[in-house]
PDB file of N, CA and C in Angstrom:
ATOM      1  N   MET A   1      18.262  -1.142  14.774  1.00  0.00           N
ATOM      2  CA  MET A   1      16.707  -1.229  14.060  1.00  0.00           C
ATOM      3  C   MET A   1      15.726  -1.475  14.962  1.00  0.00           C
ATOM      4  N   THR A   2      15.862  -2.611  15.822  1.00  0.00           N
ATOM      5  CA  THR A   2      15.015  -2.847  16.944  1.00  0.00           C
ATOM      6  C   THR A   2      15.252  -2.490  18.203  1.00  0.00           C
ATOM      7  N   GLY A   3      14.352  -2.622  19.183  1.00  0.00           N
ATOM      8  CA  GLY A   3      14.544  -2.306  20.546  1.00  0.00           C
ATOM      9  C   GLY A   3      15.407  -3.142  21.156  1.00  0.00           C
ATOM     10  N   PRO A   4      16.219  -2.592  22.200  1.00  0.00           N
ATOM     11  CA  PRO A   4      17.221  -3.117  22.960  1.00  0.00           C
ATOM     12  C   PRO A   4      17.048  -4.797  23.278  1.00  0.00           C
ATOM     13  N   ALA A   5      15.915  -5.044  23.659  1.00  0.00           N
ATOM     14  CA  ALA A   5      15.489  -6.509  24.134  1.00  0.00           C
ATOM     15  C   ALA A   5      15.038  -7.304  22.923  1.00  0.00           C
ATOM     16  N   ARG A   6      15.262  -6.925  21.644  1.00  0.00           N
ATOM     17  CA  ARG A   6      14.599  -7.807  20.579  1.00  0.00           C
ATOM     18  C   ARG A   6      15.839  -7.918  19.470  1.00  0.00           C
ATOM     19  N   THR A   7      15.697  -8.874  18.684  1.00  0.00           N
ATOM     20  CA  THR A   7      16.656  -9.180  17.477  1.00  0.00           C
ATOM     21  C   THR A   7      15.535  -9.146  16.250  1.00  0.00           C
ATOM     22  N   ALA A   8      16.351  -8.671  15.150  1.00  0.00           N
ATOM     23  CA  ALA A   8      15.451  -8.887  14.005  1.00  0.00           C
ATOM     24  C   ALA A   8      15.519  -9.994  13.560  1.00  0.00           C
ATOM     25  N   PRO A   9      14.396 -10.573  12.833  1.00  0.00           N
ATOM     26  CA  PRO A   9      14.308 -12.186  12.240  1.00  0.00           C
ATOM     27  C   PRO A   9      15.428 -11.969  10.986  1.00  0.00           C
ATOM     28  N   PRO A  10      15.850 -13.328  10.816  1.00  0.00           N
ATOM     29  CA  PRO A  10      16.780 -13.418   9.477  1.00  0.00           C
ATOM     30  C   PRO A  10      16.419 -12.688   8.376  1.00  0.00           C
ATOM     31  N   HIS A  11      15.057 -12.883   7.990  1.00  0.00           N
ATOM     32  CA  HIS A  11      14.503 -12.466   6.856  1.00  0.00           C
ATOM     33  C   HIS A  11      14.772 -10.903   6.685  1.00  0.00           C
ATOM     34  N   LEU A  12      14.579 -10.234   7.846  1.00  0.00           N
ATOM     35  CA  LEU A  12      14.618  -8.893   7.691  1.00  0.00           C
ATOM     36  C   LEU A  12      16.129  -8.343   7.875  1.00  0.00           C
ATOM     37  N   VAL A  13      17.059  -9.176   8.398  1.00  0.00           N
ATOM     38  CA  VAL A  13      18.454  -9.065   8.388  1.00  0.00           C
ATOM     39  C   VAL A  13      18.927  -9.074   6.954  1.00  0.00           C
ATOM     40  N   ASP A  14      18.470  -9.950   6.195  1.00  0.00           N
ATOM     41  CA  ASP A  14      18.876 -10.075   4.655  1.00  0.00           C
ATOM     42  C   ASP A  14      18.425  -8.900   3.979  1.00  0.00           C
ATOM     43  N   TRP A  15      17.003  -8.529   4.074  1.00  0.00           N
ATOM     44  CA  TRP A  15      16.659  -7.290   3.492  1.00  0.00           C
ATOM     45  C   TRP A  15      17.419  -6.125   3.793  1.00  0.00           C
ATOM     46  N   MET A  16      17.650  -5.864   5.133  1.00  0.00           N
ATOM     47  CA  MET A  16      18.200  -4.693   5.426  1.00  0.00           C
ATOM     48  C   MET A  16      19.861  -4.667   4.790  1.00  0.00           C
ATOM     49  N   THR A  17      20.587  -5.705   4.699  1.00  0.00           N
ATOM     50  CA  THR A  17      21.681  -5.856   4.166  1.00  0.00           C
ATOM     51  C   THR A  17      21.619  -5.441   2.733  1.00  0.00           C
ATOM     52  N   LEU A  18      20.644  -5.941   1.900  1.00  0.00           N
ATOM     53  CA  LEU A  18      20.477  -5.426   0.512  1.00  0.00           C
ATOM     54  C   LEU A  18      20.231  -3.935   0.489  1.00  0.00           C
ATOM     55  N   VAL A  19      19.427  -3.744   1.251  1.00  0.00           N
ATOM     56  CA  VAL A  19      19.170  -2.135   1.343  1.00  0.00           C
ATOM     57  C   VAL A  19      20.367  -1.322   1.364  1.00  0.00           C
ATOM     58  N   ALA A  20      20.941  -1.690   2.606  1.00  0.00           N
ATOM     59  CA  ALA A  20      22.270  -1.125   2.916  1.00  0.00           C
ATOM     60  C   ALA A  20      23.571  -1.032   1.662  1.00  0.00           C
ATOM     61  N   ARG A  21      23.242  -2.289   1.137  1.00  0.00           N
ATOM     62  CA  ARG A  21      24.419  -2.424   0.186  1.00  0.00           C
ATOM     63  C   ARG A  21      24.168  -1.538  -1.323  1.00  0.00           C
ATOM     64  N   TYR A  22      22.903  -1.537  -1.457  1.00  0.00           N
ATOM     65  CA  TYR A  22      22.788  -1.009  -2.898  1.00  0.00           C
ATOM     66  C   TYR A  22      21.904   0.407  -2.845  1.00  0.00           C
ATOM     67  N   CYS A  23      21.440   0.849  -1.741  1.00  0.00           N
ATOM     68  CA  CYS A  23      20.574   2.127  -1.534  1.00  0.00           C
ATOM     69  C   CYS A  23      21.202   3.139  -0.850  1.00  0.00           C
ATOM     70  N   ARG A  24      21.252   4.367  -1.164  1.00  0.00           N
ATOM     71  CA  ARG A  24      21.789   5.450  -0.422  1.00  0.00           C
ATOM     72  C   ARG A  24      20.575   6.285  -0.221  1.00  0.00           C
ATOM     73  N   THR A  25      20.690   6.998   1.247  1.00  0.00           N
ATOM     74  CA  THR A  25      19.576   7.775   1.389  1.00  0.00           C
ATOM     75  C   THR A  25      20.209   9.140   2.250  1.00  0.00           C
ATOM     76  N   THR A  26      19.610  10.204   2.336  1.00  0.00           N
ATOM     77  CA  THR A  26      20.123  11.236   3.179  1.00  0.00           C
ATOM     78  C   THR A  26      19.509  11.210   4.641  1.00  0.00           C
ATOM     79  N   LEU A  27      18.731  10.293   4.868  1.00  0.00           N
ATOM     80  CA  LEU A  27      17.831   9.992   6.123  1.00  0.00           C
ATOM     81  C   LEU A  27      16.948  11.066   6.393  1.00  0.00           C
ATOM     82  N   ALA A  28      16.942  12.221   5.424  1.00  0.00           N
ATOM     83  CA  ALA A  28      15.867  13.097   5.656  1.00  0.00           C
ATOM     84  C   ALA A  28      14.758  13.000   4.888  1.00  0.00           C
ATOM     85  N   PRO A  29      13.564  13.147   5.685  1.00  0.00           N
ATOM     86  CA  PRO A  29      12.234  12.992   4.712  1.00  0.00           C
ATOM     87  C   PRO A  29      12.268  14.290   3.961  1.00  0.00           C
ATOM     88  N   GLY A  30      11.511  13.869   2.601  1.00  0.00           N
ATOM     89  CA  GLY A  30      11.292  15.087   1.861  1.00  0.00           C
ATOM     90  C   GLY A  30      10.235  16.198   2.278  1.00  0.00           C
ATOM     91  N   PRO A  31      10.173  17.268   1.855  1.00  0.00           N
ATOM     92  CA  PRO A  31       9.244  18.357   2.356  1.00  0.00           C
ATOM     93  C   PRO A  31       7.901  17.933   1.904  1.00  0.00           C
ATOM     94  N   LEU A  32       7.029  18.316   2.608  1.00  0.00           N
ATOM     95  CA  LEU A  32       5.411  18.160   2.328  1.00  0.00           C
ATOM     96  C   LEU A  32       4.901  19.494   1.757  1.00  0.00           C
ATOM     97  N   ALA A  33       4.101  19.226   0.683  1.00  0.00           N
ATOM     98  CA  ALA A  33       3.285  20.270   0.170  1.00  0.00           C
ATOM     99  C   ALA A  33       2.328  20.881   1.194  1.00  0.00           C
ATOM    100  N   PRO A  34       2.093  22.254   1.015  1.00  0.00           N
ATOM    101  CA  PRO A  34       1.330  22.952   2.157  1.00  0.00           C
ATOM    102  C   PRO A  34      -0.279  22.128   2.133  1.00  0.00           C
ATOM    103  N   GLU A  35      -0.567  21.808   0.707  1.00  0.00           N
ATOM    104  CA  GLU A  35      -1.959  21.434   0.680  1.00  0.00           C
ATOM    105  C   GLU A  35      -1.967  20.010   1.461  1.00  0.00           C
ATOM    106  N   VAL A  36      -0.976  19.127   1.231  1.00  0.00           N
ATOM    107  CA  VAL A  36      -0.886  17.934   2.086  1.00  0.00           C
ATOM    108  C   VAL A  36      -0.891  18.131   3.650  1.00  0.00           C
ATOM    109  N   LEU A  37      -0.338  19.007   4.076  1.00  0.00           N
ATOM    110  CA  LEU A  37      -0.162  19.367   5.514  1.00  0.00           C
ATOM    111  C   LEU A  37      -1.720  19.862   6.117  1.00  0.00           C
ATOM    112  N   ALA A  38      -2.359  20.759   5.127  1.00  0.00           N
ATOM    113  CA  ALA A  38      -3.528  21.132   5.506  1.00  0.00           C
ATOM    114  C   ALA A  38      -4.582  20.086   5.668  1.00  0.00           C
ATOM    115  N   SER A  39      -4.538  19.127   4.523  1.00  0.00           N
ATOM    116  CA  SER A  39      -5.451  17.958   4.528  1.00  0.00           C
ATOM    117  C   SER A  39      -5.142  17.034   5.789  1.00  0.00           C
ATOM    118  N   SER A  40      -4.128  16.948   6.075  1.00  0.00           N
ATOM    119  CA  SER A  40      -3.624  16.032   7.047  1.00  0.00           C
ATOM    120  C   SER A  40      -4.166  16.593   8.562  1.00  0.00           C
ATOM    121  N   ARG A  41      -4.218  17.919   8.601  1.00  0.00           N
ATOM    122  CA  ARG A  41      -4.937  18.463   9.986  1.00  0.00           C
ATOM    123  C   ARG A  41      -6.446  18.155  10.017  1.00  0.00           C
ATOM    124  N   SER A  42      -7.022  18.209   8.811  1.00  0.00           N
ATOM    125  CA  SER A  42      -8.356  18.111   8.894  1.00  0.00           C
ATOM    126  C   SER A  42      -8.940  16.416   9.150  1.00  0.00           C
ATOM    127  N   ALA A  43      -8.072  15.566   8.784  1.00  0.00           N
ATOM    128  CA  ALA A  43      -8.438  14.129   8.770  1.00  0.00           C
ATOM    129  C   ALA A  43      -7.518  13.442   9.976  1.00  0.00           C
ATOM    130  N   PRO A  44      -8.316  12.601  10.785  1.00  0.00           N
ATOM    131  CA  PRO A  44      -7.748  11.993  11.922  1.00  0.00           C
ATOM    132  C   PRO A  44      -6.505  11.174  11.599  1.00  0.00           C
ATOM    133  N   CYS A  45      -5.540  11.225  12.330  1.00  0.00           N
ATOM    134  CA  CYS A  45      -4.199  10.622  12.128  1.00  0.00           C
ATOM    135  C   CYS A  45      -3.543  10.063  13.251  1.00  0.00           C
ATOM    136  N   VAL A  46      -2.783   9.031  13.164  1.00  0.00           N
ATOM    137  CA  VAL A  46      -1.896   8.674  14.319  1.00  0.00           C
ATOM    138  C   VAL A  46      -0.579   8.460  13.740  1.00  0.00           C
ATOM    139  N   VAL A  47       0.476   9.179  14.466  1.00  0.00           N
ATOM    140  CA  VAL A  47       1.890   9.254  14.355  1.00  0.00           C
ATOM    141  C   VAL A  47       2.483   8.514  15.392  1.00  0.00           C
ATOM    142  N   ALA A  48       3.439   7.446  15.065  1.00  0.00           N
ATOM    143  CA  ALA A  48       3.878   6.734  16.326  1.00  0.00           C
ATOM    144  C   ALA A  48       5.437   6.348  15.739  1.00  0.00           C
ATOM    145  N   THR A  49       6.163   6.291  16.877  1.00  0.00           N
ATOM    146  CA  THR A  49       7.586   5.756  16.616  1.00  0.00           C
ATOM    147  C   THR A  49       7.826   4.993  17.789  1.00  0.00           C
ATOM    148  N   GLY A  50       9.044   4.169  17.710  1.00  0.00           N
ATOM    149  CA  GLY A  50       9.708   3.424  18.880  1.00  0.00           C
ATOM    150  C   GLY A  50      10.351   4.364  19.695  1.00  0.00           C
ATOM    151  N   SER A  51      10.378   3.921  20.985  1.00  0.00           N
ATOM    152  CA  SER A  51      11.054   4.753  21.894  1.00  0.00           C
ATOM    153  C   SER A  51      12.786   4.805  21.786  1.00  0.00           C
ATOM    154  N   HIS A  52      13.042   3.707  20.942  1.00  0.00           N
ATOM    155  CA  HIS A  52      14.487   3.373  20.516  1.00  0.00           C
ATOM    156  C   HIS A  52      14.790   3.423  19.089  1.00  0.00           C
ATOM    157  N   ASP A  53      13.903   4.177  18.436  1.00  0.00           N
ATOM    158  CA  ASP A  53      13.866   4.401  16.935  1.00  0.00           C
ATOM    159  C   ASP A  53      15.069   5.334  16.789  1.00  0.00           C
ATOM    160  N   ILE A  54      16.104   4.775  15.897  1.00  0.00           N
ATOM    161  CA  ILE A  54      17.417   5.641  15.604  1.00  0.00           C
ATOM    162  C   ILE A  54      17.182   6.692  14.458  1.00  0.00           C
ATOM    163  N   PHE A  55      16.184   6.319  13.368  1.00  0.00           N
ATOM    164  CA  PHE A  55      16.036   7.205  12.191  1.00  0.00           C
ATOM    165  C   PHE A  55      15.043   8.385  12.738  1.00  0.00           C
ATOM    166  N   LEU A  56      14.020   7.996  13.475  1.00  0.00           N
ATOM    167  CA  LEU A  56      12.979   8.848  13.940  1.00  0.00           C
ATOM    168  C   LEU A  56      12.818   9.032  15.254  1.00  0.00           C
ATOM    169  N   PRO A  57      13.754   9.472  15.924  1.00  0.00           N
ATOM    170  CA  PRO A  57      13.621   9.288  17.578  1.00  0.00           C
ATOM    171  C   PRO A  57      12.582  10.370  18.028  1.00  0.00           C
ATOM    172  N   PRO A  58      12.102   9.757  18.999  1.00  0.00           N
ATOM    173  CA  PRO A  58      10.939  10.590  19.533  1.00  0.00           C
ATOM    174  C   PRO A  58      11.072  12.207  19.913  1.00  0.00           C
ATOM    175  N   ALA A  59      12.301  12.527  20.326  1.00  0.00           N
ATOM    176  CA  ALA A  59      12.645  13.779  20.610  1.00  0.00           C
ATOM    177  C   ALA A  59      12.616  14.703  19.365  1.00  0.00           C
ATOM    178  N   ARG A  60      13.203  14.119  18.320  1.00  0.00           N
ATOM    179  CA  ARG A  60      13.240  14.944  17.055  1.00  0.00           C
ATOM    180  C   ARG A  60      11.986  14.938  16.370  1.00  0.00           C
ATOM    181  N   LEU A  61      11.083  13.724  16.258  1.00  0.00           N
ATOM    182  CA  LEU A  61       9.953  13.804  15.724  1.00  0.00           C
ATOM    183  C   LEU A  61       8.735  14.590  16.475  1.00  0.00           C
ATOM    184  N   GLU A  62       8.779  14.502  17.566  1.00  0.00           N
ATOM    185  CA  GLU A  62       7.687  15.213  18.518  1.00  0.00           C
ATOM    186  C   GLU A  62       7.306  16.532  17.958  1.00  0.00           C
ATOM    187  N   PRO A  63       8.159  17.566  17.781  1.00  0.00           N
ATOM    188  CA  PRO A  63       8.024  18.783  17.622  1.00  0.00           C
ATOM    189  C   PRO A  63       7.225  18.985  16.190  1.00  0.00           C
ATOM    190  N   ALA A  64       7.931  18.343  15.268  1.00  0.00           N
ATOM    191  CA  ALA A  64       7.297  18.123  13.934  1.00  0.00           C
ATOM    192  C   ALA A  64       5.789  17.802  13.744  1.00  0.00           C
ATOM    193  N   VAL A  65       5.455  16.806  14.561  1.00  0.00           N
ATOM    194  CA  VAL A  65       4.374  15.957  14.388  1.00  0.00           C
ATOM    195  C   VAL A  65       3.085  17.045  15.258  1.00  0.00           C
ATOM    196  N   ARG A  66       3.495  17.610  16.260  1.00  0.00           N
ATOM    197  CA  ARG A  66       2.762  18.586  16.904  1.00  0.00           C
ATOM    198  C   ARG A  66       2.494  19.772  16.115  1.00  0.00           C
ATOM    199  N   ASP A  67       3.466  20.325  15.283  1.00  0.00           N
ATOM    200  CA  ASP A  67       3.602  21.758  14.766  1.00  0.00           C
ATOM    201  C   ASP A  67       2.884  21.516  13.416  1.00  0.00           C
ATOM    202  N   LEU A  68       3.321  20.448  12.650  1.00  0.00           N
ATOM    203  CA  LEU A  68       2.873  20.314  11.315  1.00  0.00           C
ATOM    204  C   LEU A  68       1.592  19.494  11.131  1.00  0.00           C
ATOM    205  N   LEU A  69       1.444  18.709  11.972  1.00  0.00           N
ATOM    206  CA  LEU A  69       0.236  17.714  11.930  1.00  0.00           C
ATOM    207  C   LEU A  69      -0.906  18.094  12.956  1.00  0.00           C
ATOM    208  N   GLY A  70      -0.583  18.803  13.912  1.00  0.00           N
ATOM    209  CA  GLY A  70      -1.397  19.068  15.051  1.00  0.00           C
ATOM    210  C   GLY A  70      -1.952  17.886  15.753  1.00  0.00           C
ATOM    211  N   THR A  71      -0.983  16.983  16.017  1.00  0.00           N
ATOM    212  CA  THR A  71      -1.585  15.575  16.914  1.00  0.00           C
ATOM    213  C   THR A  71      -0.293  15.496  17.769  1.00  0.00           C
ATOM    214  N   GLU A  72      -0.516  14.409  18.604  1.00  0.00           N
ATOM    215  CA  GLU A  72       0.280  13.838  19.528  1.00  0.00           C
ATOM    216  C   GLU A  72       1.035  12.769  19.130  1.00  0.00           C
ATOM    217  N   LEU A  73       2.432  12.767  19.188  1.00  0.00           N
ATOM    218  CA  LEU A  73       3.268  11.515  18.864  1.00  0.00           C
ATOM    219  C   LEU A  73       2.953  10.500  19.716  1.00  0.00           C
ATOM    220  N   ARG A  74       2.747   9.319  19.327  1.00  0.00           N
ATOM    221  CA  ARG A  74       2.646   8.101  20.257  1.00  0.00           C
ATOM    222  C   ARG A  74       4.054   7.389  20.239  1.00  0.00           C
ATOM    223  N   VAL A  75       4.405   7.043  21.392  1.00  0.00           N
ATOM    224  CA  VAL A  75       5.803   6.345  21.366  1.00  0.00           C
ATOM    225  C   VAL A  75       5.549   4.944  22.041  1.00  0.00           C
ATOM    226  N   LEU A  76       6.030   3.961  21.159  1.00  0.00           N
ATOM    227  CA  LEU A  76       5.892   2.603  21.664  1.00  0.00           C
ATOM    228  C   LEU A  76       7.079   2.182  22.397  1.00  0.00           C
ATOM    229  N   PRO A  77       6.770   1.998  23.627  1.00  0.00           N
ATOM    230  CA  PRO A  77       8.091   1.782  24.467  1.00  0.00           C
ATOM    231  C   PRO A  77       8.892   0.545  24.184  1.00  0.00           C
ATOM    232  N   GLY A  78      10.225   0.503  24.227  1.00  0.00           N
ATOM    233  CA  GLY A  78      10.924  -0.564  23.876  1.00  0.00           C
ATOM    234  C   GLY A  78      11.126  -1.025  22.535  1.00  0.00           C
ATOM    235  N   SER A  79      10.414  -0.240  21.767  1.00  0.00           N
ATOM    236  CA  SER A  79      10.552  -0.560  20.317  1.00  0.00           C
ATOM    237  C   SER A  79      11.702   0.462  19.518  1.00  0.00           C
ATOM    238  N   GLY A  80      12.148  -0.106  18.310  1.00  0.00           N
ATOM    239  CA  GLY A  80      13.051   0.422  17.685  1.00  0.00           C
ATOM    240  C   GLY A  80      12.227   0.993  16.321  1.00  0.00           C
ATOM    241  N   HIS A  81      13.160   1.235  15.232  1.00  0.00           N
ATOM    242  CA  HIS A  81      12.578   1.685  14.019  1.00  0.00           C
ATOM    243  C   HIS A  81      11.595   0.457  13.545  1.00  0.00           C
ATOM    244  N   LEU A  82      11.977  -0.445  13.605  1.00  0.00           N
ATOM    245  CA  LEU A  82      10.964  -1.764  13.195  1.00  0.00           C
ATOM    246  C   LEU A  82       9.809  -1.986  14.142  1.00  0.00           C
ATOM    247  N   ALA A  83       9.119  -1.046  14.520  1.00  0.00           N
ATOM    248  CA  ALA A  83       8.282  -1.131  15.600  1.00  0.00           C
ATOM    249  C   ALA A  83       7.012  -2.281  15.244  1.00  0.00           C
ATOM    250  N   LEU A  84       6.639  -2.487  13.829  1.00  0.00           N
ATOM    251  CA  LEU A  84       5.721  -3.501  13.532  1.00  0.00           C
ATOM    252  C   LEU A  84       6.057  -4.873  14.008  1.00  0.00           C
ATOM    253  N   ASP A  85       7.445  -5.063  13.914  1.00  0.00           N
ATOM    254  CA  ASP A  85       7.997  -6.238  14.260  1.00  0.00           C
ATOM    255  C   ASP A  85       8.384  -6.357  15.729  1.00  0.00           C
ATOM    256  N   ASP A  86       8.746  -5.216  16.244  1.00  0.00           N
ATOM    257  CA  ASP A  86       8.886  -5.081  17.702  1.00  0.00           C
ATOM    258  C   ASP A  86       7.771  -5.362  18.612  1.00  0.00           C
ATOM    259  N   ASP A  87       6.494  -4.554  18.131  1.00  0.00           N
ATOM    260  CA  ASP A  87       5.506  -4.523  19.058  1.00  0.00           C
ATOM    261  C   ASP A  87       4.072  -4.710  18.103  1.00  0.00           C
ATOM    262  N   PRO A  88       3.816  -5.711  17.493  1.00  0.00           N
ATOM    263  CA  PRO A  88       2.780  -5.853  16.624  1.00  0.00           C
ATOM    264  C   PRO A  88       1.324  -5.512  17.351  1.00  0.00           C
ATOM    265  N   ALA A  89       1.330  -5.854  18.875  1.00  0.00           N
ATOM    266  CA  ALA A  89       0.176  -5.532  19.412  1.00  0.00           C
ATOM    267  C   ALA A  89       0.042  -4.153  19.650  1.00  0.00           C
ATOM    268  N   GLY A  90       0.980  -3.451  19.808  1.00  0.00           N
ATOM    269  CA  GLY A  90       0.914  -1.958  20.039  1.00  0.00           C
ATOM    270  C   GLY A  90       0.511  -1.240  18.830  1.00  0.00           C
ATOM    271  N   ILE A  91       0.976  -1.729  17.556  1.00  0.00           N
ATOM    272  CA  ILE A  91       0.446  -1.138  16.226  1.00  0.00           C
ATOM    273  C   ILE A  91      -1.027  -1.277  16.151  1.00  0.00           C
ATOM    274  N   MET A  92      -1.471  -2.753  16.470  1.00  0.00           N
ATOM    275  CA  MET A  92      -2.814  -3.052  16.491  1.00  0.00           C
ATOM    276  C   MET A  92      -3.577  -1.838  17.207  1.00  0.00           C
ATOM    277  N   GLU A  93      -3.396  -1.794  18.330  1.00  0.00           N
ATOM    278  CA  GLU A  93      -3.803  -0.647  19.236  1.00  0.00           C
ATOM    279  C   GLU A  93      -3.933   0.628  18.678  1.00  0.00           C
ATOM    280  N   LEU A  94      -2.872   1.120  17.899  1.00  0.00           N
ATOM    281  CA  LEU A  94      -2.852   2.456  17.184  1.00  0.00           C
ATOM    282  C   LEU A  94      -3.959   2.467  16.286  1.00  0.00           C
ATOM    283  N   VAL A  95      -3.794   1.310  15.408  1.00  0.00           N
ATOM    284  CA  VAL A  95      -4.948   1.242  14.346  1.00  0.00           C
ATOM    285  C   VAL A  95      -6.247   1.055  14.808  1.00  0.00           C
ATOM    286  N   ASP A  96      -6.530   0.296  15.864  1.00  0.00           N
ATOM    287  CA  ASP A  96      -7.977   0.377  16.389  1.00  0.00           C
ATOM    288  C   ASP A  96      -8.498   1.724  17.013  1.00  0.00           C
ATOM    289  N   ASP A  97      -7.315   2.457  17.665  1.00  0.00           N
ATOM    290  CA  ASP A  97      -7.629   3.784  18.149  1.00  0.00           C
ATOM    291  C   ASP A  97      -8.045   4.695  16.854  1.00  0.00           C
ATOM    292  N   LEU A  98      -7.306   4.702  15.787  1.00  0.00           N
ATOM    293  CA  LEU A  98      -7.744   5.521  14.652  1.00  0.00           C
ATOM    294  C   LEU A  98      -9.049   5.196  14.205  1.00  0.00           C
ATOM    295  N   ALA A  99      -9.300   3.833  13.894  1.00  0.00           N
ATOM    296  CA  ALA A  99     -10.389   3.286  13.330  1.00  0.00           C
ATOM    297  C   ALA A  99     -11.676   3.775  14.196  1.00  0.00           C
ATOM    298  N   GLY A 100     -11.424   3.739  15.417  1.00  0.00           N
ATOM    299  CA  GLY A 100     -12.649   4.141  16.322  1.00  0.00           C
ATOM    300  C   GLY A 100     -12.932   5.768  16.169  1.00  0.00           C
ATOM    301  N   ARG A 101     -11.938   6.374  15.702  1.00  0.00           N
ATOM    302  CA  ARG A 101     -12.162   7.800  15.497  1.00  0.00           C
ATOM    303  C   ARG A 101     -12.744   8.291  14.175  1.00  0.00           C
ATOM    304  N   LEU A 102     -12.845   7.292  13.166  1.00  0.00           N
ATOM    305  CA  LEU A 102     -13.099   7.512  11.942  1.00  0.00           C
ATOM    306  C   LEU A 102     -14.759   7.558  11.927  1.00  0.00           C
TER     307      LEU A 102
END
């Protein structure tokens, strides 16, 4: 869940253990309604993933982001699925970039 050079903090390990024990998922995101996609194209947005994300890997996510949302996928180097914990400064840069475009 984290990048290769990082470890998850104990509280996240506990949380992920609970989720794995009691929740089931197909790992597939649900379909988006056409009106949601249309409104997404007209509003500035940022879509990011970690370079080591096992659930939403860049190679899988990039075509959907480009084709459905009309924007560029941002990849956080060295981060996994828990990018907020892996690279909080990188997340802040993405938020600042989006705020600057609003």
